[in-house]
């Protein structure tokens, strides 16, 4: 009798060295205003904190895939919901600009930008 073992590997899109373990400060634009936001990237995920008048919103980011050398699709999740964030980094990964949305809402919800903290 032959034993057959099937291994399934989950490919995780990793962040490049220029982005991994970096923090970016910037702003998040939404229909109801502009908010300061801080984003920290780790190995293949990240976290963010949006500063608002109620103390802030903490969220998580997960890398979905690198679409090009500098364009990244992420999934975001926080207490208000979840959706996607597509960002484009500049050449040296010191800044990014992006758009975010919630597929359940069905339209673009805002813009997100950041610059590497010094």
PDB file of N, CA and C in Angstrom:
ATOM      1  N   UNK A   1       0.841  -1.160   0.000  1.00  0.00           N
ATOM      2  CA  UNK A   1       0.000   0.000   0.000  1.00  0.00           C
ATOM      3  C   UNK A   1       0.896   1.236   0.000  1.00  0.00           C
ATOM      4  N   UNK A   2       0.583   2.187  -0.845  1.00  0.00           N
ATOM      5  CA  UNK A   2       1.371   3.406  -0.957  1.00  0.00           C
ATOM      6  C   UNK A   2       0.651   4.548  -0.271  1.00  0.00           C
ATOM      7  N   UNK A   3       1.377   5.287   0.528  1.00  0.00           N
ATOM      8  CA  UNK A   3       0.806   6.479   1.167  1.00  0.00           C
ATOM      9  C   UNK A   3       1.098   7.680   0.296  1.00  0.00           C
ATOM     10  N   UNK A   4       0.084   8.430   0.015  1.00  0.00           N
ATOM     11  CA  UNK A   4       0.232   9.617  -0.809  1.00  0.00           C
ATOM     12  C   UNK A   4      -0.002  10.834   0.067  1.00  0.00           C
ATOM     13  N   UNK A   5       0.954  11.714   0.098  1.00  0.00           N
ATOM     14  CA  UNK A   5       0.836  12.940   0.885  1.00  0.00           C
ATOM     15  C   UNK A   5       0.767  14.106  -0.071  1.00  0.00           C
ATOM     16  N   UNK A   6      -0.253  14.878   0.090  1.00  0.00           N
ATOM     17  CA  UNK A   6      -0.439  16.058  -0.741  1.00  0.00           C
ATOM     18  C   UNK A   6      -0.154  17.286   0.109  1.00  0.00           C
ATOM     19  N   UNK A   7       0.810  18.066  -0.315  1.00  0.00           N
ATOM     20  CA  UNK A   7       1.148  19.292   0.396  1.00  0.00           C
ATOM     21  C   UNK A   7       0.595  20.484  -0.373  1.00  0.00           C
ATOM     22  N   UNK A   8      -0.112  21.322   0.328  1.00  0.00           N
ATOM     23  CA  UNK A   8      -0.627  22.548  -0.266  1.00  0.00           C
ATOM     24  C   UNK A   8       0.080  23.699   0.424  1.00  0.00           C
ATOM     25  N   UNK A   9       0.736  24.506  -0.378  1.00  0.00           N
ATOM     26  CA  UNK A   9       1.474  25.635   0.179  1.00  0.00           C
ATOM     27  C   UNK A   9       0.739  26.927  -0.143  1.00  0.00           C
ATOM     28  N   UNK A  10       0.610  27.758   0.848  1.00  0.00           N
ATOM     29  CA  UNK A  10      -0.014  29.055   0.676  1.00  0.00           C
ATOM     30  C   UNK A  10       1.078  30.063   0.340  1.00  0.00           C
ATOM     31  N   UNK A  11       0.981  30.640  -0.814  1.00  0.00           N
ATOM     32  CA  UNK A  11       1.969  31.638  -1.216  1.00  0.00           C
ATOM     33  C   UNK A  11       1.558  32.984  -0.639  1.00  0.00           C
ATOM     34  N   UNK A  12       2.424  33.542   0.142  1.00  0.00           N
ATOM     35  CA  UNK A  12       2.154  34.842   0.745  1.00  0.00           C
ATOM     36  C   UNK A  12       3.013  35.876   0.034  1.00  0.00           C
ATOM     37  N   UNK A  13       2.378  36.925  -0.404  1.00  0.00           N
ATOM     38  CA  UNK A  13       3.121  38.002  -1.053  1.00  0.00           C
ATOM     39  C   UNK A  13       3.881  38.763   0.026  1.00  0.00           C
ATOM     40  N   UNK A  14       5.180  38.776  -0.098  1.00  0.00           N
ATOM     41  CA  UNK A  14       6.002  39.454   0.895  1.00  0.00           C
ATOM     42  C   UNK A  14       6.288  40.878   0.470  1.00  0.00           C
ATOM     43  N   UNK A  15       6.569  41.693   1.459  1.00  0.00           N
ATOM     44  CA  UNK A  15       6.922  43.079   1.195  1.00  0.00           C
ATOM     45  C   UNK A  15       8.408  43.184   0.897  1.00  0.00           C
ATOM     46  N   UNK A  16       8.802  44.083  -0.006  1.00  0.00           N
ATOM     47  CA  UNK A  16      10.232  44.236  -0.296  1.00  0.00           C
ATOM     48  C   UNK A  16      10.964  44.867   0.880  1.00  0.00           C
ATOM     49  N   UNK A  17      12.270  44.697   0.888  1.00  0.00           N
ATOM     50  CA  UNK A  17      13.096  45.208   1.981  1.00  0.00           C
ATOM     51  C   UNK A  17      12.873  46.695   2.239  1.00  0.00           C
ATOM     52  N   UNK A  18      12.642  47.468   1.200  1.00  0.00           N
ATOM     53  CA  UNK A  18      12.440  48.905   1.376  1.00  0.00           C
ATOM     54  C   UNK A  18      11.159  49.284   2.078  1.00  0.00           C
ATOM     55  N   UNK A  19      10.226  48.347   2.194  1.00  0.00           N
ATOM     56  CA  UNK A  19       8.927  48.613   2.809  1.00  0.00           C
ATOM     57  C   UNK A  19       8.772  47.867   4.129  1.00  0.00           C
ATOM     58  N   UNK A  20       9.320  46.662   4.178  1.00  0.00           N
ATOM     59  CA  UNK A  20       9.189  45.826   5.365  1.00  0.00           C
ATOM     60  C   UNK A  20       9.743  46.527   6.599  1.00  0.00           C
ATOM     61  N   UNK A  21       9.016  46.478   7.689  1.00  0.00           N
ATOM     62  CA  UNK A  21       9.390  47.087   8.974  1.00  0.00           C
ATOM     63  C   UNK A  21       9.525  48.606   8.884  1.00  0.00           C
ATOM     64  N   UNK A  22       8.693  49.221   8.059  1.00  0.00           N
ATOM     65  CA  UNK A  22       8.699  50.678   7.922  1.00  0.00           C
ATOM     66  C   UNK A  22       7.350  51.241   8.361  1.00  0.00           C
ATOM     67  N   UNK A  23       7.372  52.482   8.825  1.00  0.00           N
ATOM     68  CA  UNK A  23       6.154  53.192   9.185  1.00  0.00           C
ATOM     69  C   UNK A  23       5.999  54.384   8.267  1.00  0.00           C
ATOM     70  N   UNK A  24       4.787  54.591   7.790  1.00  0.00           N
ATOM     71  CA  UNK A  24       4.453  55.699   6.902  1.00  0.00           C
ATOM     72  C   UNK A  24       3.365  56.542   7.564  1.00  0.00           C
ATOM     73  N   UNK A  25       3.564  57.837   7.597  1.00  0.00           N
ATOM     74  CA  UNK A  25       2.565  58.753   8.127  1.00  0.00           C
ATOM     75  C   UNK A  25       1.947  59.521   6.979  1.00  0.00           C
ATOM     76  N   UNK A  26       0.662  59.766   7.067  1.00  0.00           N
ATOM     77  CA  UNK A  26       0.005  60.475   5.979  1.00  0.00           C
ATOM     78  C   UNK A  26      -1.423  60.802   6.298  1.00  0.00           C
ATOM     79  N   UNK A  27      -2.254  60.724   5.261  1.00  0.00           N
ATOM     80  CA  UNK A  27      -3.659  61.074   5.452  1.00  0.00           C
ATOM     81  C   UNK A  27      -4.567  60.122   4.693  1.00  0.00           C
ATOM     82  N   UNK A  28      -5.750  59.977   5.251  1.00  0.00           N
ATOM     83  CA  UNK A  28      -6.799  59.174   4.650  1.00  0.00           C
ATOM     84  C   UNK A  28      -7.969  60.120   4.379  1.00  0.00           C
ATOM     85  N   UNK A  29      -8.412  60.134   3.134  1.00  0.00           N
ATOM     86  CA  UNK A  29      -9.544  60.975   2.763  1.00  0.00           C
ATOM     87  C   UNK A  29     -10.785  60.108   2.631  1.00  0.00           C
ATOM     88  N   UNK A  30     -11.870  60.589   3.234  1.00  0.00           N
ATOM     89  CA  UNK A  30     -13.147  59.894   3.221  1.00  0.00           C
ATOM     90  C   UNK A  30     -14.221  60.927   2.920  1.00  0.00           C
ATOM     91  N   UNK A  31     -15.420  60.485   2.633  1.00  0.00           N
ATOM     92  CA  UNK A  31     -16.511  61.403   2.333  1.00  0.00           C
ATOM     93  C   UNK A  31     -16.754  62.415   3.449  1.00  0.00           C
ATOM     94  N   UNK A  32     -16.502  62.023   4.697  1.00  0.00           N
ATOM     95  CA  UNK A  32     -16.776  62.911   5.820  1.00  0.00           C
ATOM     96  C   UNK A  32     -15.560  63.676   6.334  1.00  0.00           C
ATOM     97  N   UNK A  33     -14.426  63.615   5.651  1.00  0.00           N
ATOM     98  CA  UNK A  33     -13.280  64.403   6.090  1.00  0.00           C
ATOM     99  C   UNK A  33     -11.936  63.802   5.738  1.00  0.00           C
ATOM    100  N   UNK A  34     -10.904  64.459   6.247  1.00  0.00           N
ATOM    101  CA  UNK A  34      -9.524  64.031   6.055  1.00  0.00           C
ATOM    102  C   UNK A  34      -8.962  63.706   7.436  1.00  0.00           C
ATOM    103  N   UNK A  35      -8.313  62.544   7.548  1.00  0.00           N
ATOM    104  CA  UNK A  35      -7.806  62.076   8.829  1.00  0.00           C
ATOM    105  C   UNK A  35      -6.321  61.740   8.735  1.00  0.00           C
ATOM    106  N   UNK A  36      -5.595  62.013   9.823  1.00  0.00           N
ATOM    107  CA  UNK A  36      -4.194  61.594   9.910  1.00  0.00           C
ATOM    108  C   UNK A  36      -4.174  60.085  10.109  1.00  0.00           C
ATOM    109  N   UNK A  37      -3.238  59.434   9.435  1.00  0.00           N
ATOM    110  CA  UNK A  37      -3.140  57.969   9.551  1.00  0.00           C
ATOM    111  C   UNK A  37      -1.673  57.566   9.588  1.00  0.00           C
ATOM    112  N   UNK A  38      -1.387  56.539  10.371  1.00  0.00           N
ATOM    113  CA  UNK A  38      -0.043  55.971  10.452  1.00  0.00           C
ATOM    114  C   UNK A  38      -0.154  54.504  10.053  1.00  0.00           C
ATOM    115  N   UNK A  39       0.716  54.065   9.145  1.00  0.00           N
ATOM    116  CA  UNK A  39       0.707  52.690   8.649  1.00  0.00           C
ATOM    117  C   UNK A  39       2.062  52.058   8.920  1.00  0.00           C
ATOM    118  N   UNK A  40       2.062  50.878   9.518  1.00  0.00           N
ATOM    119  CA  UNK A  40       3.297  50.126   9.748  1.00  0.00           C
ATOM    120  C   UNK A  40       3.214  48.827   8.979  1.00  0.00           C
ATOM    121  N   UNK A  41       4.230  48.558   8.166  1.00  0.00           N
ATOM    122  CA  UNK A  41       4.299  47.316   7.399  1.00  0.00           C
ATOM    123  C   UNK A  41       5.242  46.348   8.084  1.00  0.00           C
ATOM    124  N   UNK A  42       4.857  45.083   8.096  1.00  0.00           N
ATOM    125  CA  UNK A  42       5.682  44.038   8.682  1.00  0.00           C
ATOM    126  C   UNK A  42       6.167  43.130   7.557  1.00  0.00           C
ATOM    127  N   UNK A  43       6.131  41.823   7.756  1.00  0.00           N
ATOM    128  CA  UNK A  43       6.642  40.887   6.743  1.00  0.00           C
ATOM    129  C   UNK A  43       5.689  40.767   5.550  1.00  0.00           C
ATOM    130  N   UNK A  44       4.462  40.371   5.791  1.00  0.00           N
ATOM    131  CA  UNK A  44       3.478  40.234   4.706  1.00  0.00           C
ATOM    132  C   UNK A  44       2.140  40.828   5.127  1.00  0.00           C
ATOM    133  N   UNK A  45       2.188  41.685   6.132  1.00  0.00           N
ATOM    134  CA  UNK A  45       0.971  42.326   6.599  1.00  0.00           C
ATOM    135  C   UNK A  45       1.323  43.668   7.219  1.00  0.00           C
ATOM    136  N   UNK A  46       0.350  44.290   7.834  1.00  0.00           N
ATOM    137  CA  UNK A  46       0.603  45.583   8.437  1.00  0.00           C
ATOM    138  C   UNK A  46      -0.525  45.980   9.361  1.00  0.00           C
ATOM    139  N   UNK A  47      -0.387  47.163   9.929  1.00  0.00           N
ATOM    140  CA  UNK A  47      -1.391  47.715  10.832  1.00  0.00           C
ATOM    141  C   UNK A  47      -1.492  49.203  10.567  1.00  0.00           C
ATOM    142  N   UNK A  48      -2.647  49.763  10.882  1.00  0.00           N
ATOM    143  CA  UNK A  48      -2.814  51.204  10.731  1.00  0.00           C
ATOM    144  C   UNK A  48      -3.613  51.774  11.880  1.00  0.00           C
ATOM    145  N   UNK A  49      -3.420  53.062  12.113  1.00  0.00           N
ATOM    146  CA  UNK A  49      -4.194  53.792  13.112  1.00  0.00           C
ATOM    147  C   UNK A  49      -4.638  55.094  12.476  1.00  0.00           C
ATOM    148  N   UNK A  50      -5.947  55.278  12.432  1.00  0.00           N
ATOM    149  CA  UNK A  50      -6.535  56.511  11.924  1.00  0.00           C
ATOM    150  C   UNK A  50      -6.868  57.368  13.134  1.00  0.00           C
ATOM    151  N   UNK A  51      -6.413  58.598  13.133  1.00  0.00           N
ATOM    152  CA  UNK A  51      -6.682  59.499  14.246  1.00  0.00           C
ATOM    153  C   UNK A  51      -7.957  60.279  13.958  1.00  0.00           C
ATOM    154  N   UNK A  52      -8.916  60.177  14.884  1.00  0.00           N
ATOM    155  CA  UNK A  52     -10.147  60.942  14.748  1.00  0.00           C
ATOM    156  C   UNK A  52     -10.519  61.564  16.095  1.00  0.00           C
ATOM    157  N   UNK A  53     -11.622  62.258  16.158  1.00  0.00           N
ATOM    158  CA  UNK A  53     -12.021  62.954  17.378  1.00  0.00           C
ATOM    159  C   UNK A  53     -12.430  62.006  18.502  1.00  0.00           C
ATOM    160  N   UNK A  54     -12.631  60.738  18.191  1.00  0.00           N
ATOM    161  CA  UNK A  54     -13.046  59.756  19.199  1.00  0.00           C
ATOM    162  C   UNK A  54     -11.889  58.898  19.683  1.00  0.00           C
ATOM    163  N   UNK A  55     -10.677  59.261  19.352  1.00  0.00           N
ATOM    164  CA  UNK A  55      -9.517  58.534  19.835  1.00  0.00           C
ATOM    165  C   UNK A  55      -8.805  57.690  18.804  1.00  0.00           C
ATOM    166  N   UNK A  56      -9.468  57.327  17.743  1.00  0.00           N
ATOM    167  CA  UNK A  56      -8.785  56.603  16.685  1.00  0.00           C
ATOM    168  C   UNK A  56      -9.414  55.264  16.341  1.00  0.00           C
ATOM    169  N   UNK A  57      -8.993  54.764  15.202  1.00  0.00           N
ATOM    170  CA  UNK A  57      -9.458  53.479  14.693  1.00  0.00           C
ATOM    171  C   UNK A  57      -8.228  52.649  14.372  1.00  0.00           C
ATOM    172  N   UNK A  58      -8.142  51.472  14.966  1.00  0.00           N
ATOM    173  CA  UNK A  58      -7.040  50.550  14.685  1.00  0.00           C
ATOM    174  C   UNK A  58      -7.500  49.523  13.663  1.00  0.00           C
ATOM    175  N   UNK A  59      -6.619  49.214  12.715  1.00  0.00           N
ATOM    176  CA  UNK A  59      -6.964  48.237  11.689  1.00  0.00           C
ATOM    177  C   UNK A  59      -5.778  47.398  11.271  1.00  0.00           C
ATOM    178  N   UNK A  60      -6.067  46.362  10.500  1.00  0.00           N
ATOM    179  CA  UNK A  60      -5.047  45.448  10.002  1.00  0.00           C
ATOM    180  C   UNK A  60      -5.025  45.477   8.485  1.00  0.00           C
ATOM    181  N   UNK A  61      -3.839  45.254   7.934  1.00  0.00           N
ATOM    182  CA  UNK A  61      -3.654  45.137   6.492  1.00  0.00           C
ATOM    183  C   UNK A  61      -3.055  43.774   6.180  1.00  0.00           C
ATOM    184  N   UNK A  62      -3.516  43.178   5.100  1.00  0.00           N
ATOM    185  CA  UNK A  62      -2.970  41.916   4.628  1.00  0.00           C
ATOM    186  C   UNK A  62      -2.629  42.078   3.153  1.00  0.00           C
ATOM    187  N   UNK A  63      -1.438  41.664   2.772  1.00  0.00           N
ATOM    188  CA  UNK A  63      -1.034  41.749   1.371  1.00  0.00           C
ATOM    189  C   UNK A  63      -1.822  40.722   0.567  1.00  0.00           C
ATOM    190  N   UNK A  64      -2.503  41.184  -0.484  1.00  0.00           N
ATOM    191  CA  UNK A  64      -3.197  40.285  -1.400  1.00  0.00           C
ATOM    192  C   UNK A  64      -2.238  39.899  -2.515  1.00  0.00           C
ATOM    193  N   UNK A  65      -1.679  40.914  -3.206  1.00  0.00           N
ATOM    194  CA  UNK A  65      -0.691  40.612  -4.246  1.00  0.00           C
ATOM    195  C   UNK A  65      -0.002  41.882  -4.717  1.00  0.00           C
ATOM    196  N   UNK A  66       1.211  41.685  -5.226  1.00  0.00           N
ATOM    197  CA  UNK A  66       1.925  42.745  -5.929  1.00  0.00           C
ATOM    198  C   UNK A  66       1.424  42.707  -7.367  1.00  0.00           C
ATOM    199  N   UNK A  67       0.849  43.804  -7.845  1.00  0.00           N
ATOM    200  CA  UNK A  67       0.333  43.860  -9.205  1.00  0.00           C
ATOM    201  C   UNK A  67       1.414  44.272 -10.198  1.00  0.00           C
ATOM    202  N   UNK A  68       2.346  45.089  -9.749  1.00  0.00           N
ATOM    203  CA  UNK A  68       3.535  45.461 -10.519  1.00  0.00           C
ATOM    204  C   UNK A  68       4.665  45.625  -9.509  1.00  0.00           C
ATOM    205  N   UNK A  69       5.827  46.088  -9.955  1.00  0.00           N
ATOM    206  CA  UNK A  69       6.957  46.278  -9.033  1.00  0.00           C
ATOM    207  C   UNK A  69       6.663  47.283  -7.923  1.00  0.00           C
ATOM    208  N   UNK A  70       5.765  48.232  -8.175  1.00  0.00           N
ATOM    209  CA  UNK A  70       5.492  49.280  -7.193  1.00  0.00           C
ATOM    210  C   UNK A  70       4.013  49.419  -6.825  1.00  0.00           C
ATOM    211  N   UNK A  71       3.159  48.584  -7.394  1.00  0.00           N
ATOM    212  CA  UNK A  71       1.717  48.664  -7.090  1.00  0.00           C
ATOM    213  C   UNK A  71       1.291  47.443  -6.291  1.00  0.00           C
ATOM    214  N   UNK A  72       0.672  47.708  -5.158  1.00  0.00           N
ATOM    215  CA  UNK A  72       0.336  46.669  -4.195  1.00  0.00           C
ATOM    216  C   UNK A  72      -1.159  46.699  -3.878  1.00  0.00           C
ATOM    217  N   UNK A  73      -1.780  45.532  -3.865  1.00  0.00           N
ATOM    218  CA  UNK A  73      -3.174  45.391  -3.456  1.00  0.00           C
ATOM    219  C   UNK A  73      -3.198  44.785  -2.061  1.00  0.00           C
ATOM    220  N   UNK A  74      -3.875  45.466  -1.148  1.00  0.00           N
ATOM    221  CA  UNK A  74      -3.975  45.027   0.240  1.00  0.00           C
ATOM    222  C   UNK A  74      -5.442  44.867   0.627  1.00  0.00           C
ATOM    223  N   UNK A  75      -5.678  44.069   1.646  1.00  0.00           N
ATOM    224  CA  UNK A  75      -7.005  43.978   2.235  1.00  0.00           C
ATOM    225  C   UNK A  75      -6.935  44.693   3.576  1.00  0.00           C
ATOM    226  N   UNK A  76      -7.912  45.559   3.870  1.00  0.00           N
ATOM    227  CA  UNK A  76      -7.949  46.252   5.151  1.00  0.00           C
ATOM    228  C   UNK A  76      -9.138  45.738   5.958  1.00  0.00           C
ATOM    229  N   UNK A  77      -9.011  45.826   7.285  1.00  0.00           N
ATOM    230  CA  UNK A  77     -10.093  45.403   8.164  1.00  0.00           C
ATOM    231  C   UNK A  77     -10.003  46.187   9.464  1.00  0.00           C
ATOM    232  N   UNK A  78     -11.144  46.749   9.878  1.00  0.00           N
ATOM    233  CA  UNK A  78     -11.235  47.433  11.168  1.00  0.00           C
ATOM    234  C   UNK A  78     -12.667  47.320  11.678  1.00  0.00           C
ATOM    235  N   UNK A  79     -12.976  48.036  12.764  1.00  0.00           N
ATOM    236  CA  UNK A  79     -14.292  47.894  13.392  1.00  0.00           C
ATOM    237  C   UNK A  79     -15.439  48.387  12.502  1.00  0.00           C
ATOM    238  N   UNK A  80     -15.138  49.142  11.465  1.00  0.00           N
ATOM    239  CA  UNK A  80     -16.182  49.654  10.575  1.00  0.00           C
ATOM    240  C   UNK A  80     -16.422  48.772   9.358  1.00  0.00           C
ATOM    241  N   UNK A  81     -15.572  47.784   9.148  1.00  0.00           N
ATOM    242  CA  UNK A  81     -15.764  46.907   7.998  1.00  0.00           C
ATOM    243  C   UNK A  81     -14.450  46.410   7.445  1.00  0.00           C
ATOM    244  N   UNK A  82     -14.498  46.048   6.168  1.00  0.00           N
ATOM    245  CA  UNK A  82     -13.305  45.561   5.487  1.00  0.00           C
ATOM    246  C   UNK A  82     -13.431  45.841   3.999  1.00  0.00           C
ATOM    247  N   UNK A  83     -12.301  45.843   3.342  1.00  0.00           N
ATOM    248  CA  UNK A  83     -12.292  46.118   1.913  1.00  0.00           C
ATOM    249  C   UNK A  83     -10.886  46.037   1.371  1.00  0.00           C
ATOM    250  N   UNK A  84     -10.637  46.823   0.333  1.00  0.00           N
ATOM    251  CA  UNK A  84      -9.345  46.767  -0.346  1.00  0.00           C
ATOM    252  C   UNK A  84      -8.703  48.141  -0.440  1.00  0.00           C
ATOM    253  N   UNK A  85      -7.388  48.127  -0.496  1.00  0.00           N
ATOM    254  CA  UNK A  85      -6.575  49.330  -0.656  1.00  0.00           C
ATOM    255  C   UNK A  85      -5.548  49.026  -1.734  1.00  0.00           C
ATOM    256  N   UNK A  86      -5.530  49.825  -2.771  1.00  0.00           N
ATOM    257  CA  UNK A  86      -4.521  49.676  -3.834  1.00  0.00           C
ATOM    258  C   UNK A  86      -3.598  50.882  -3.735  1.00  0.00           C
ATOM    259  N   UNK A  87      -2.306  50.623  -3.498  1.00  0.00           N
ATOM    260  CA  UNK A  87      -1.348  51.719  -3.374  1.00  0.00           C
ATOM    261  C   UNK A  87      -0.241  51.581  -4.412  1.00  0.00           C
ATOM    262  N   UNK A  88       0.322  52.724  -4.768  1.00  0.00           N
ATOM    263  CA  UNK A  88       1.462  52.778  -5.685  1.00  0.00           C
ATOM    264  C   UNK A  88       2.587  53.512  -4.958  1.00  0.00           C
ATOM    265  N   UNK A  89       3.711  52.826  -4.806  1.00  0.00           N
ATOM    266  CA  UNK A  89       4.885  53.425  -4.176  1.00  0.00           C
ATOM    267  C   UNK A  89       5.695  54.197  -5.216  1.00  0.00           C
ATOM    268  N   UNK A  90       6.426  55.221  -4.739  1.00  0.00           N
ATOM    269  CA  UNK A  90       7.373  55.899  -5.625  1.00  0.00           C
ATOM    270  C   UNK A  90       8.592  54.983  -5.835  1.00  0.00           C
ATOM    271  N   UNK A  91       9.565  55.432  -6.639  1.00  0.00           N
ATOM    272  CA  UNK A  91      10.709  54.581  -7.028  1.00  0.00           C
ATOM    273  C   UNK A  91      11.474  53.989  -5.856  1.00  0.00           C
ATOM    274  N   UNK A  92      11.711  54.791  -4.816  1.00  0.00           N
ATOM    275  CA  UNK A  92      12.525  54.311  -3.691  1.00  0.00           C
ATOM    276  C   UNK A  92      11.699  53.889  -2.475  1.00  0.00           C
ATOM    277  N   UNK A  93      10.413  53.718  -2.652  1.00  0.00           N
ATOM    278  CA  UNK A  93       9.499  53.236  -1.618  1.00  0.00           C
ATOM    279  C   UNK A  93       9.449  54.153  -0.386  1.00  0.00           C
ATOM    280  N   UNK A  94       9.691  55.440  -0.578  1.00  0.00           N
ATOM    281  CA  UNK A  94       9.618  56.371   0.542  1.00  0.00           C
ATOM    282  C   UNK A  94       8.239  57.014   0.682  1.00  0.00           C
ATOM    283  N   UNK A  95       7.361  56.797  -0.303  1.00  0.00           N
ATOM    284  CA  UNK A  95       6.019  57.375  -0.248  1.00  0.00           C
ATOM    285  C   UNK A  95       5.073  56.532  -1.105  1.00  0.00           C
ATOM    286  N   UNK A  96       3.785  56.660  -0.818  1.00  0.00           N
ATOM    287  CA  UNK A  96       2.780  55.977  -1.635  1.00  0.00           C
ATOM    288  C   UNK A  96       1.500  56.805  -1.695  1.00  0.00           C
ATOM    289  N   UNK A  97       0.699  56.515  -2.705  1.00  0.00           N
ATOM    290  CA  UNK A  97      -0.638  57.089  -2.866  1.00  0.00           C
ATOM    291  C   UNK A  97      -1.550  55.941  -3.248  1.00  0.00           C
ATOM    292  N   UNK A  98      -2.798  55.997  -2.797  1.00  0.00           N
ATOM    293  CA  UNK A  98      -3.688  54.896  -3.116  1.00  0.00           C
ATOM    294  C   UNK A  98      -5.155  55.238  -2.988  1.00  0.00           C
ATOM    295  N   UNK A  99      -5.966  54.268  -3.344  1.00  0.00           N
ATOM    296  CA  UNK A  99      -7.419  54.377  -3.258  1.00  0.00           C
ATOM    297  C   UNK A  99      -7.927  53.198  -2.447  1.00  0.00           C
ATOM    298  N   UNK A 100      -8.968  53.445  -1.647  1.00  0.00           N
ATOM    299  CA  UNK A 100      -9.528  52.367  -0.858  1.00  0.00           C
ATOM    300  C   UNK A 100     -11.030  52.274  -1.060  1.00  0.00           C
ATOM    301  N   UNK A 101     -11.546  51.051  -0.907  1.00  0.00           N
ATOM    302  CA  UNK A 101     -12.969  50.828  -1.112  1.00  0.00           C
ATOM    303  C   UNK A 101     -13.428  49.594  -0.347  1.00  0.00           C
ATOM    304  N   UNK A 102     -14.743  49.506  -0.180  1.00  0.00           N
ATOM    305  CA  UNK A 102     -15.409  48.362   0.420  1.00  0.00           C
ATOM    306  C   UNK A 102     -16.313  47.779  -0.655  1.00  0.00           C
ATOM    307  N   UNK A 103     -16.074  46.552  -1.113  1.00  0.00           N
ATOM    308  CA  UNK A 103     -16.893  45.973  -2.183  1.00  0.00           C
ATOM    309  C   UNK A 103     -18.379  45.918  -1.862  1.00  0.00           C
ATOM    310  N   UNK A 104     -18.736  45.831  -0.585  1.00  0.00           N
ATOM    311  CA  UNK A 104     -20.148  45.789  -0.201  1.00  0.00           C
ATOM    312  C   UNK A 104     -20.843  47.120  -0.454  1.00  0.00           C
ATOM    313  N   UNK A 105     -20.076  48.206  -0.380  1.00  0.00           N
ATOM    314  CA  UNK A 105     -20.627  49.539  -0.641  1.00  0.00           C
ATOM    315  C   UNK A 105     -20.744  49.762  -2.143  1.00  0.00           C
ATOM    316  N   UNK A 106     -19.754  49.255  -2.886  1.00  0.00           N
ATOM    317  CA  UNK A 106     -19.833  49.292  -4.340  1.00  0.00           C
ATOM    318  C   UNK A 106     -19.247  50.509  -5.023  1.00  0.00           C
ATOM    319  N   UNK A 107     -18.548  51.368  -4.296  1.00  0.00           N
ATOM    320  CA  UNK A 107     -17.912  52.516  -4.927  1.00  0.00           C
ATOM    321  C   UNK A 107     -16.657  52.905  -4.151  1.00  0.00           C
ATOM    322  N   UNK A 108     -15.821  53.695  -4.788  1.00  0.00           N
ATOM    323  CA  UNK A 108     -14.599  54.204  -4.163  1.00  0.00           C
ATOM    324  C   UNK A 108     -14.964  54.983  -2.903  1.00  0.00           C
ATOM    325  N   UNK A 109     -14.305  54.685  -1.801  1.00  0.00           N
ATOM    326  CA  UNK A 109     -14.615  55.375  -0.556  1.00  0.00           C
ATOM    327  C   UNK A 109     -13.641  56.493  -0.228  1.00  0.00           C
ATOM    328  N   UNK A 110     -12.459  56.474  -0.813  1.00  0.00           N
ATOM    329  CA  UNK A 110     -11.535  57.544  -0.500  1.00  0.00           C
ATOM    330  C   UNK A 110     -10.122  57.279  -0.984  1.00  0.00           C
ATOM    331  N   UNK A 111      -9.240  58.158  -0.544  1.00  0.00           N
ATOM    332  CA  UNK A 111      -7.831  58.127  -0.943  1.00  0.00           C
ATOM    333  C   UNK A 111      -6.965  57.990   0.288  1.00  0.00           C
ATOM    334  N   UNK A 112      -5.779  57.425   0.085  1.00  0.00           N
ATOM    335  CA  UNK A 112      -4.865  57.147   1.185  1.00  0.00           C
ATOM    336  C   UNK A 112      -3.475  57.495   0.690  1.00  0.00           C
ATOM    337  N   UNK A 113      -2.704  58.235   1.467  1.00  0.00           N
ATOM    338  CA  UNK A 113      -1.337  58.600   1.081  1.00  0.00           C
ATOM    339  C   UNK A 113      -0.439  58.541   2.306  1.00  0.00           C
ATOM    340  N   UNK A 114       0.835  58.255   2.082  1.00  0.00           N
ATOM    341  CA  UNK A 114       1.771  58.197   3.199  1.00  0.00           C
ATOM    342  C   UNK A 114       3.196  58.455   2.754  1.00  0.00           C
ATOM    343  N   UNK A 115       3.995  58.925   3.709  1.00  0.00           N
ATOM    344  CA  UNK A 115       5.421  59.169   3.498  1.00  0.00           C
ATOM    345  C   UNK A 115       6.153  58.498   4.642  1.00  0.00           C
ATOM    346  N   UNK A 116       7.272  57.831   4.315  1.00  0.00           N
ATOM    347  CA  UNK A 116       8.033  57.107   5.328  1.00  0.00           C
ATOM    348  C   UNK A 116       8.429  58.034   6.477  1.00  0.00           C
ATOM    349  N   UNK A 117       8.203  57.564   7.676  1.00  0.00           N
ATOM    350  CA  UNK A 117       8.595  58.341   8.862  1.00  0.00           C
ATOM    351  C   UNK A 117      10.108  58.320   8.992  1.00  0.00           C
ATOM    352  N   UNK A 118      10.664  59.437   9.401  1.00  0.00           N
ATOM    353  CA  UNK A 118      12.138  59.510   9.498  1.00  0.00           C
ATOM    354  C   UNK A 118      12.658  58.984  10.808  1.00  0.00           C
TER     355      UNK A 118
END
